[in-house]
Amino acid sequence: MNSIDLIILNFNEVRRRSIKVWTSIPEEKLNWKPDDEAMNCIEMIRHVLESEHYYHLALINRGSLPEFISPFENRPFTTVSAELEFAKPYRNKFFDTIKSFSEEDLTNIKIDRSDSGYIRDLGDMLLRIAYHESIHTGQLLDYLRTAGVPRIRIWD
């Protein structure tokens, strides 16, 4: 197994666990949020899916996008499965892009997000993208705890 395969494996494992959490949220809690400033549960799920698409385009651009027109914007929030289904073709294209990179690309390609305070190697950036999703999955677990909803076991 090479580095690209491991990166894909990591993305799949992170998403598998995210989906376990996302689909365990009772429908009546999808709009719950801990305070007025926070995203609610379904908004956070959408944020993760939309961010992955943004990051994919940023990888292709080799840096932050001057303008991002999101296909997720202005879509009504519905269900977790509808969100996942809508995001599926974008995730597939993202994976196709990852698979097109070589081992050398992981260190030689730089992703310039200096507007956000960093420039990173492609490999580092790919791991950061998966980490972003992991963080939000942890936040959702905390939301569920705070809302008094039993949490699914994700450590299998």
N, C-alpha and C. Protein backbone atom coordinates (compact mmCIF):
# COMPACT_ATOMS: atom_id res chain seq x y z
N MET A 1 0.86 -1.18 0.00
CA MET A 1 0.00 0.00 0.00
C MET A 1 0.91 1.24 0.00
N ASN A 2 0.64 2.17 -0.92
CA ASN A 2 1.46 3.38 -0.97
C ASN A 2 0.78 4.52 -0.20
N SER A 3 1.42 5.68 -0.19
CA SER A 3 0.92 6.82 0.57
C SER A 3 -0.45 7.29 0.08
N ILE A 4 -0.65 7.29 -1.22
CA ILE A 4 -1.95 7.71 -1.77
C ILE A 4 -3.05 6.77 -1.29
N ASP A 5 -2.78 5.47 -1.32
CA ASP A 5 -3.76 4.49 -0.83
C ASP A 5 -4.07 4.72 0.65
N LEU A 6 -3.05 5.03 1.42
CA LEU A 6 -3.25 5.28 2.85
C LEU A 6 -4.07 6.54 3.10
N ILE A 7 -3.84 7.55 2.28
CA ILE A 7 -4.61 8.79 2.42
C ILE A 7 -6.08 8.52 2.10
N ILE A 8 -6.35 7.77 1.04
CA ILE A 8 -7.73 7.41 0.68
C ILE A 8 -8.35 6.58 1.81
N LEU A 9 -7.60 5.63 2.34
CA LEU A 9 -8.09 4.82 3.46
C LEU A 9 -8.47 5.71 4.64
N ASN A 10 -7.62 6.68 4.95
CA ASN A 10 -7.90 7.59 6.05
C ASN A 10 -9.18 8.38 5.79
N PHE A 11 -9.34 8.93 4.58
CA PHE A 11 -10.57 9.65 4.26
C PHE A 11 -11.79 8.76 4.42
N ASN A 12 -11.69 7.52 3.95
CA ASN A 12 -12.82 6.61 4.06
C ASN A 12 -13.15 6.25 5.50
N GLU A 13 -12.12 6.06 6.32
CA GLU A 13 -12.34 5.74 7.73
C GLU A 13 -12.96 6.92 8.47
N VAL A 14 -12.47 8.11 8.19
CA VAL A 14 -13.04 9.30 8.83
C VAL A 14 -14.51 9.43 8.42
N ARG A 15 -14.81 9.29 7.15
CA ARG A 15 -16.19 9.43 6.68
C ARG A 15 -17.08 8.32 7.24
N ARG A 16 -16.56 7.10 7.30
CA ARG A 16 -17.36 5.99 7.84
C ARG A 16 -17.80 6.31 9.27
N ARG A 17 -16.89 6.83 10.05
CA ARG A 17 -17.23 7.16 11.45
C ARG A 17 -18.13 8.38 11.52
N SER A 18 -17.90 9.34 10.64
CA SER A 18 -18.78 10.52 10.59
C SER A 18 -20.21 10.08 10.28
N ILE A 19 -20.35 9.22 9.30
CA ILE A 19 -21.68 8.75 8.91
C ILE A 19 -22.36 8.03 10.07
N LYS A 20 -21.61 7.28 10.84
CA LYS A 20 -22.18 6.62 12.02
C LYS A 20 -22.79 7.65 12.96
N VAL A 21 -22.05 8.73 13.19
CA VAL A 21 -22.55 9.79 14.07
C VAL A 21 -23.72 10.51 13.41
N TRP A 22 -23.54 10.93 12.16
CA TRP A 22 -24.56 11.72 11.47
C TRP A 22 -25.89 10.98 11.42
N THR A 23 -25.85 9.70 11.08
CA THR A 23 -27.11 8.95 10.94
C THR A 23 -27.71 8.55 12.28
N SER A 24 -26.96 8.74 13.34
CA SER A 24 -27.50 8.43 14.67
C SER A 24 -28.24 9.62 15.28
N ILE A 25 -28.15 10.77 14.65
CA ILE A 25 -28.82 11.96 15.18
C ILE A 25 -30.32 11.83 14.91
N PRO A 26 -31.13 11.86 15.97
CA PRO A 26 -32.58 11.77 15.75
C PRO A 26 -33.05 12.94 14.88
N GLU A 27 -34.00 12.67 14.00
CA GLU A 27 -34.49 13.69 13.07
C GLU A 27 -34.90 14.97 13.78
N GLU A 28 -35.51 14.82 14.96
CA GLU A 28 -35.97 16.00 15.70
C GLU A 28 -34.82 16.81 16.31
N LYS A 29 -33.60 16.26 16.25
CA LYS A 29 -32.43 16.98 16.78
C LYS A 29 -31.54 17.55 15.67
N LEU A 30 -31.88 17.34 14.42
CA LEU A 30 -31.02 17.84 13.33
C LEU A 30 -30.88 19.36 13.33
N ASN A 31 -31.87 20.06 13.85
CA ASN A 31 -31.81 21.52 13.90
C ASN A 31 -31.36 22.04 15.27
N TRP A 32 -30.94 21.13 16.15
CA TRP A 32 -30.49 21.53 17.48
C TRP A 32 -29.09 22.14 17.40
N LYS A 33 -28.87 23.16 18.22
CA LYS A 33 -27.55 23.75 18.36
C LYS A 33 -27.40 24.24 19.79
N PRO A 34 -26.15 24.26 20.28
CA PRO A 34 -25.94 24.58 21.69
C PRO A 34 -26.19 26.05 22.05
N ASP A 35 -26.09 26.95 21.07
CA ASP A 35 -26.34 28.37 21.32
C ASP A 35 -26.67 29.06 20.00
N ASP A 36 -27.08 30.29 20.07
CA ASP A 36 -27.50 31.03 18.88
C ASP A 36 -26.39 31.28 17.88
N GLU A 37 -25.14 31.26 18.32
CA GLU A 37 -24.00 31.54 17.44
C GLU A 37 -23.52 30.29 16.68
N ALA A 38 -23.92 29.12 17.12
CA ALA A 38 -23.40 27.86 16.58
C ALA A 38 -24.19 27.39 15.36
N MET A 39 -23.55 26.51 14.57
CA MET A 39 -24.27 25.80 13.52
C MET A 39 -25.14 24.74 14.20
N ASN A 40 -26.27 24.42 13.59
CA ASN A 40 -27.02 23.28 14.09
C ASN A 40 -26.44 22.01 13.49
N CYS A 41 -26.98 20.86 13.88
CA CYS A 41 -26.39 19.58 13.45
C CYS A 41 -26.36 19.43 11.94
N ILE A 42 -27.48 19.68 11.28
CA ILE A 42 -27.52 19.47 9.83
C ILE A 42 -26.66 20.51 9.11
N GLU A 43 -26.57 21.72 9.64
CA GLU A 43 -25.70 22.73 9.05
C GLU A 43 -24.23 22.30 9.15
N MET A 44 -23.87 21.68 10.26
CA MET A 44 -22.49 21.24 10.42
C MET A 44 -22.16 20.10 9.45
N ILE A 45 -23.11 19.21 9.25
CA ILE A 45 -22.91 18.12 8.28
C ILE A 45 -22.72 18.72 6.89
N ARG A 46 -23.58 19.66 6.53
CA ARG A 46 -23.46 20.33 5.23
C ARG A 46 -22.12 21.05 5.13
N HIS A 47 -21.71 21.71 6.21
CA HIS A 47 -20.42 22.42 6.22
C HIS A 47 -19.26 21.47 5.91
N VAL A 48 -19.28 20.29 6.49
CA VAL A 48 -18.22 19.30 6.24
C VAL A 48 -18.22 18.89 4.77
N LEU A 49 -19.37 18.57 4.24
CA LEU A 49 -19.47 18.12 2.85
C LEU A 49 -19.09 19.24 1.88
N GLU A 50 -19.56 20.44 2.14
CA GLU A 50 -19.25 21.58 1.28
C GLU A 50 -17.78 21.95 1.37
N SER A 51 -17.21 21.88 2.57
CA SER A 51 -15.79 22.20 2.74
C SER A 51 -14.90 21.23 1.98
N GLU A 52 -15.28 19.96 1.96
CA GLU A 52 -14.50 18.99 1.20
C GLU A 52 -14.48 19.38 -0.28
N HIS A 53 -15.61 19.83 -0.79
CA HIS A 53 -15.65 20.28 -2.18
C HIS A 53 -14.76 21.52 -2.38
N TYR A 54 -14.85 22.47 -1.46
CA TYR A 54 -13.99 23.66 -1.54
C TYR A 54 -12.51 23.25 -1.54
N TYR A 55 -12.14 22.39 -0.60
CA TYR A 55 -10.74 21.96 -0.51
C TYR A 55 -10.29 21.25 -1.78
N HIS A 56 -11.18 20.46 -2.37
CA HIS A 56 -10.84 19.79 -3.63
C HIS A 56 -10.48 20.83 -4.69
N LEU A 57 -11.31 21.84 -4.83
CA LEU A 57 -11.04 22.89 -5.81
C LEU A 57 -9.76 23.66 -5.46
N ALA A 58 -9.52 23.86 -4.17
CA ALA A 58 -8.29 24.55 -3.73
C ALA A 58 -7.06 23.72 -4.08
N LEU A 59 -7.16 22.40 -4.00
CA LEU A 59 -6.03 21.53 -4.39
C LEU A 59 -5.75 21.70 -5.88
N ILE A 60 -6.79 21.68 -6.67
CA ILE A 60 -6.63 21.85 -8.12
C ILE A 60 -6.02 23.21 -8.42
N ASN A 61 -6.46 24.23 -7.68
CA ASN A 61 -5.98 25.60 -7.85
C ASN A 61 -4.59 25.83 -7.24
N ARG A 62 -4.14 24.85 -6.44
CA ARG A 62 -2.88 24.95 -5.70
C ARG A 62 -2.92 26.06 -4.65
N GLY A 63 -4.12 26.41 -4.23
CA GLY A 63 -4.28 27.43 -3.19
C GLY A 63 -5.72 27.86 -3.04
N SER A 64 -5.93 28.80 -2.15
CA SER A 64 -7.27 29.31 -1.89
C SER A 64 -7.91 29.82 -3.17
N LEU A 65 -9.21 29.75 -3.21
CA LEU A 65 -9.96 30.19 -4.38
C LEU A 65 -10.30 31.68 -4.26
N PRO A 66 -10.11 32.43 -5.33
CA PRO A 66 -10.50 33.84 -5.27
C PRO A 66 -12.01 34.01 -5.15
N GLU A 67 -12.75 33.03 -5.69
CA GLU A 67 -14.21 33.04 -5.60
C GLU A 67 -14.67 31.59 -5.53
N PHE A 68 -15.63 31.33 -4.65
CA PHE A 68 -16.17 29.98 -4.51
C PHE A 68 -17.67 30.05 -4.68
N ILE A 69 -18.14 29.46 -5.76
CA ILE A 69 -19.57 29.34 -5.99
C ILE A 69 -19.94 27.91 -5.62
N SER A 70 -20.64 27.78 -4.53
CA SER A 70 -20.91 26.46 -3.97
C SER A 70 -22.20 25.85 -4.52
N PRO A 71 -22.13 24.60 -4.99
CA PRO A 71 -23.36 23.91 -5.41
C PRO A 71 -24.24 23.56 -4.21
N PHE A 72 -23.70 23.66 -3.00
CA PHE A 72 -24.46 23.34 -1.79
C PHE A 72 -25.31 24.54 -1.32
N GLU A 73 -24.89 25.73 -1.74
CA GLU A 73 -25.55 26.94 -1.27
C GLU A 73 -26.98 27.02 -1.79
N ASN A 74 -27.84 27.54 -0.95
CA ASN A 74 -29.26 27.76 -1.28
C ASN A 74 -30.06 26.48 -1.49
N ARG A 75 -29.49 25.34 -1.14
CA ARG A 75 -30.25 24.09 -1.16
C ARG A 75 -30.95 23.96 0.18
N PRO A 76 -32.20 23.59 0.19
CA PRO A 76 -32.86 23.40 1.49
C PRO A 76 -32.24 22.22 2.24
N PHE A 77 -32.16 22.34 3.55
CA PHE A 77 -31.68 21.23 4.36
C PHE A 77 -32.79 20.20 4.44
N THR A 78 -32.42 18.93 4.26
CA THR A 78 -33.43 17.87 4.31
C THR A 78 -32.99 16.80 5.30
N THR A 79 -32.42 15.73 4.78
CA THR A 79 -32.00 14.62 5.63
C THR A 79 -30.51 14.37 5.46
N VAL A 80 -29.95 13.62 6.37
CA VAL A 80 -28.54 13.26 6.27
C VAL A 80 -28.30 12.45 5.01
N SER A 81 -29.17 11.50 4.72
CA SER A 81 -28.95 10.68 3.52
C SER A 81 -29.06 11.51 2.25
N ALA A 82 -29.95 12.51 2.22
CA ALA A 82 -30.05 13.38 1.05
C ALA A 82 -28.78 14.24 0.90
N GLU A 83 -28.24 14.70 2.00
CA GLU A 83 -26.99 15.48 1.96
C GLU A 83 -25.85 14.61 1.42
N LEU A 84 -25.75 13.39 1.91
CA LEU A 84 -24.70 12.47 1.46
C LEU A 84 -24.85 12.13 -0.02
N GLU A 85 -26.08 11.91 -0.44
CA GLU A 85 -26.32 11.58 -1.84
C GLU A 85 -25.95 12.75 -2.75
N PHE A 86 -26.28 13.96 -2.35
CA PHE A 86 -25.93 15.13 -3.14
C PHE A 86 -24.41 15.30 -3.24
N ALA A 87 -23.72 15.01 -2.14
CA ALA A 87 -22.26 15.21 -2.08
C ALA A 87 -21.48 14.10 -2.77
N LYS A 88 -22.10 12.96 -3.02
CA LYS A 88 -21.39 11.79 -3.55
C LYS A 88 -20.60 12.07 -4.83
N PRO A 89 -21.18 12.69 -5.86
CA PRO A 89 -20.37 12.92 -7.08
C PRO A 89 -19.18 13.86 -6.83
N TYR A 90 -19.33 14.80 -5.91
CA TYR A 90 -18.21 15.70 -5.59
C TYR A 90 -17.10 14.94 -4.86
N ARG A 91 -17.49 14.04 -3.98
CA ARG A 91 -16.49 13.23 -3.28
C ARG A 91 -15.77 12.30 -4.26
N ASN A 92 -16.51 11.71 -5.19
CA ASN A 92 -15.88 10.84 -6.19
C ASN A 92 -14.85 11.58 -7.03
N LYS A 93 -15.18 12.81 -7.44
CA LYS A 93 -14.23 13.62 -8.20
C LYS A 93 -13.02 13.98 -7.34
N PHE A 94 -13.25 14.27 -6.07
CA PHE A 94 -12.16 14.56 -5.14
C PHE A 94 -11.21 13.37 -5.06
N PHE A 95 -11.77 12.18 -4.91
CA PHE A 95 -10.93 10.97 -4.85
C PHE A 95 -10.20 10.73 -6.16
N ASP A 96 -10.85 10.98 -7.28
CA ASP A 96 -10.16 10.85 -8.57
C ASP A 96 -8.95 11.77 -8.63
N THR A 97 -9.11 12.97 -8.13
CA THR A 97 -7.99 13.92 -8.10
C THR A 97 -6.87 13.40 -7.21
N ILE A 98 -7.22 12.93 -6.03
CA ILE A 98 -6.20 12.40 -5.11
C ILE A 98 -5.45 11.25 -5.78
N LYS A 99 -6.18 10.36 -6.43
CA LYS A 99 -5.56 9.20 -7.07
C LYS A 99 -4.67 9.59 -8.25
N SER A 100 -4.86 10.79 -8.78
CA SER A 100 -4.04 11.24 -9.91
C SER A 100 -2.66 11.75 -9.46
N PHE A 101 -2.50 11.97 -8.16
CA PHE A 101 -1.22 12.45 -7.66
C PHE A 101 -0.22 11.31 -7.49
N SER A 102 1.05 11.64 -7.60
CA SER A 102 2.12 10.67 -7.37
C SER A 102 2.64 10.83 -5.95
N GLU A 103 3.44 9.87 -5.54
CA GLU A 103 4.10 9.95 -4.23
C GLU A 103 4.91 11.24 -4.12
N GLU A 104 5.61 11.58 -5.19
CA GLU A 104 6.45 12.79 -5.20
C GLU A 104 5.61 14.05 -5.07
N ASP A 105 4.42 14.04 -5.66
CA ASP A 105 3.52 15.20 -5.59
C ASP A 105 3.19 15.55 -4.14
N LEU A 106 3.11 14.54 -3.28
CA LEU A 106 2.72 14.78 -1.89
C LEU A 106 3.67 15.75 -1.18
N THR A 107 4.93 15.76 -1.59
CA THR A 107 5.90 16.70 -0.99
C THR A 107 6.25 17.86 -1.91
N ASN A 108 6.14 17.65 -3.22
CA ASN A 108 6.57 18.69 -4.16
C ASN A 108 5.51 19.74 -4.47
N ILE A 109 4.23 19.37 -4.41
CA ILE A 109 3.17 20.34 -4.68
C ILE A 109 2.89 21.12 -3.40
N LYS A 110 2.85 22.43 -3.54
CA LYS A 110 2.55 23.32 -2.41
C LYS A 110 1.14 23.88 -2.60
N ILE A 111 0.39 23.92 -1.51
CA ILE A 111 -0.95 24.50 -1.51
C ILE A 111 -0.87 25.81 -0.73
N ASP A 112 -1.06 26.91 -1.44
CA ASP A 112 -0.88 28.24 -0.87
C ASP A 112 -2.21 28.77 -0.32
N ARG A 113 -2.32 28.70 0.97
CA ARG A 113 -3.49 29.27 1.66
C ARG A 113 -2.98 30.36 2.59
N SER A 114 -2.04 31.16 2.09
CA SER A 114 -1.45 32.21 2.91
C SER A 114 -2.51 33.21 3.38
N ASP A 115 -3.62 33.33 2.65
CA ASP A 115 -4.72 34.16 3.13
C ASP A 115 -5.31 33.61 4.43
N SER A 116 -5.14 32.32 4.67
CA SER A 116 -5.57 31.68 5.92
C SER A 116 -4.40 31.43 6.86
N GLY A 117 -3.20 31.85 6.43
CA GLY A 117 -2.06 31.78 7.32
C GLY A 117 -1.10 30.62 7.10
N TYR A 118 -1.22 29.92 5.98
CA TYR A 118 -0.29 28.82 5.77
C TYR A 118 -0.10 28.45 4.31
N ILE A 119 1.04 27.82 4.05
CA ILE A 119 1.34 27.15 2.78
C ILE A 119 1.81 25.76 3.19
N ARG A 120 1.22 24.72 2.63
CA ARG A 120 1.52 23.35 3.04
C ARG A 120 1.80 22.48 1.83
N ASP A 121 2.58 21.43 2.08
CA ASP A 121 2.75 20.37 1.09
C ASP A 121 1.39 19.71 0.85
N LEU A 122 1.20 19.18 -0.34
CA LEU A 122 -0.04 18.50 -0.68
C LEU A 122 -0.40 17.41 0.33
N GLY A 123 0.56 16.57 0.69
CA GLY A 123 0.29 15.50 1.65
C GLY A 123 -0.21 16.02 2.97
N ASP A 124 0.41 17.06 3.47
CA ASP A 124 -0.01 17.71 4.71
C ASP A 124 -1.43 18.24 4.56
N MET A 125 -1.70 18.88 3.44
CA MET A 125 -3.02 19.47 3.21
C MET A 125 -4.11 18.40 3.17
N LEU A 126 -3.82 17.28 2.53
CA LEU A 126 -4.81 16.19 2.47
C LEU A 126 -5.14 15.69 3.87
N LEU A 127 -4.14 15.57 4.71
CA LEU A 127 -4.39 15.12 6.08
C LEU A 127 -5.18 16.17 6.85
N ARG A 128 -4.92 17.45 6.61
CA ARG A 128 -5.68 18.53 7.25
C ARG A 128 -7.15 18.49 6.86
N ILE A 129 -7.42 18.15 5.61
CA ILE A 129 -8.81 18.08 5.14
C ILE A 129 -9.56 17.00 5.91
N ALA A 130 -8.95 15.84 6.06
CA ALA A 130 -9.59 14.75 6.83
C ALA A 130 -9.73 15.15 8.29
N TYR A 131 -8.74 15.84 8.82
CA TYR A 131 -8.78 16.28 10.21
C TYR A 131 -9.93 17.26 10.44
N HIS A 132 -10.18 18.13 9.48
CA HIS A 132 -11.29 19.08 9.57
C HIS A 132 -12.60 18.33 9.81
N GLU A 133 -12.82 17.27 9.03
CA GLU A 133 -14.04 16.48 9.22
C GLU A 133 -14.06 15.81 10.59
N SER A 134 -12.92 15.29 11.02
CA SER A 134 -12.84 14.63 12.33
C SER A 134 -13.22 15.57 13.46
N ILE A 135 -12.73 16.80 13.37
CA ILE A 135 -13.04 17.80 14.40
C ILE A 135 -14.54 18.02 14.49
N HIS A 136 -15.18 18.18 13.35
CA HIS A 136 -16.62 18.44 13.37
C HIS A 136 -17.42 17.22 13.81
N THR A 137 -16.92 16.04 13.55
CA THR A 137 -17.59 14.84 14.06
C THR A 137 -17.52 14.82 15.58
N GLY A 138 -16.36 15.20 16.12
CA GLY A 138 -16.23 15.32 17.57
C GLY A 138 -17.16 16.38 18.14
N GLN A 139 -17.28 17.49 17.44
CA GLN A 139 -18.22 18.53 17.89
C GLN A 139 -19.64 17.99 17.94
N LEU A 140 -20.02 17.23 16.92
CA LEU A 140 -21.38 16.68 16.91
C LEU A 140 -21.59 15.69 18.05
N LEU A 141 -20.57 14.93 18.39
CA LEU A 141 -20.68 14.04 19.55
C LEU A 141 -20.92 14.86 20.82
N ASP A 142 -20.23 16.00 20.93
CA ASP A 142 -20.44 16.88 22.08
C ASP A 142 -21.85 17.48 22.06
N TYR A 143 -22.33 17.87 20.88
CA TYR A 143 -23.70 18.37 20.75
C TYR A 143 -24.69 17.34 21.30
N LEU A 144 -24.49 16.08 20.87
CA LEU A 144 -25.41 15.03 21.30
C LEU A 144 -25.37 14.84 22.81
N ARG A 145 -24.18 14.89 23.38
CA ARG A 145 -24.05 14.77 24.84
C ARG A 145 -24.80 15.92 25.52
N THR A 146 -24.57 17.14 25.03
CA THR A 146 -25.20 18.32 25.63
C THR A 146 -26.72 18.26 25.49
N ALA A 147 -27.20 17.74 24.36
CA ALA A 147 -28.65 17.65 24.12
C ALA A 147 -29.28 16.45 24.82
N GLY A 148 -28.46 15.64 25.49
CA GLY A 148 -28.99 14.48 26.20
C GLY A 148 -29.35 13.31 25.30
N VAL A 149 -28.70 13.26 24.14
CA VAL A 149 -28.96 12.18 23.17
C VAL A 149 -27.87 11.13 23.33
N PRO A 150 -28.22 9.85 23.42
CA PRO A 150 -27.19 8.81 23.50
C PRO A 150 -26.27 8.85 22.28
N ARG A 151 -24.99 8.66 22.52
CA ARG A 151 -24.00 8.69 21.45
C ARG A 151 -23.67 7.28 20.98
N ILE A 152 -23.57 7.16 19.67
CA ILE A 152 -23.21 5.88 19.06
C ILE A 152 -21.72 5.63 19.31
N ARG A 153 -21.37 4.37 19.38
CA ARG A 153 -19.95 3.99 19.56
C ARG A 153 -19.27 4.03 18.20
N ILE A 154 -18.27 4.90 18.06
CA ILE A 154 -17.58 5.00 16.77
C ILE A 154 -16.25 4.26 16.77
N TRP A 155 -15.78 3.84 17.94
CA TRP A 155 -14.48 3.17 18.03
C TRP A 155 -14.66 1.68 17.93
N ASP A 156 -14.70 1.18 16.71
CA ASP A 156 -14.89 -0.26 16.49
C ASP A 156 -13.61 -0.91 16.00
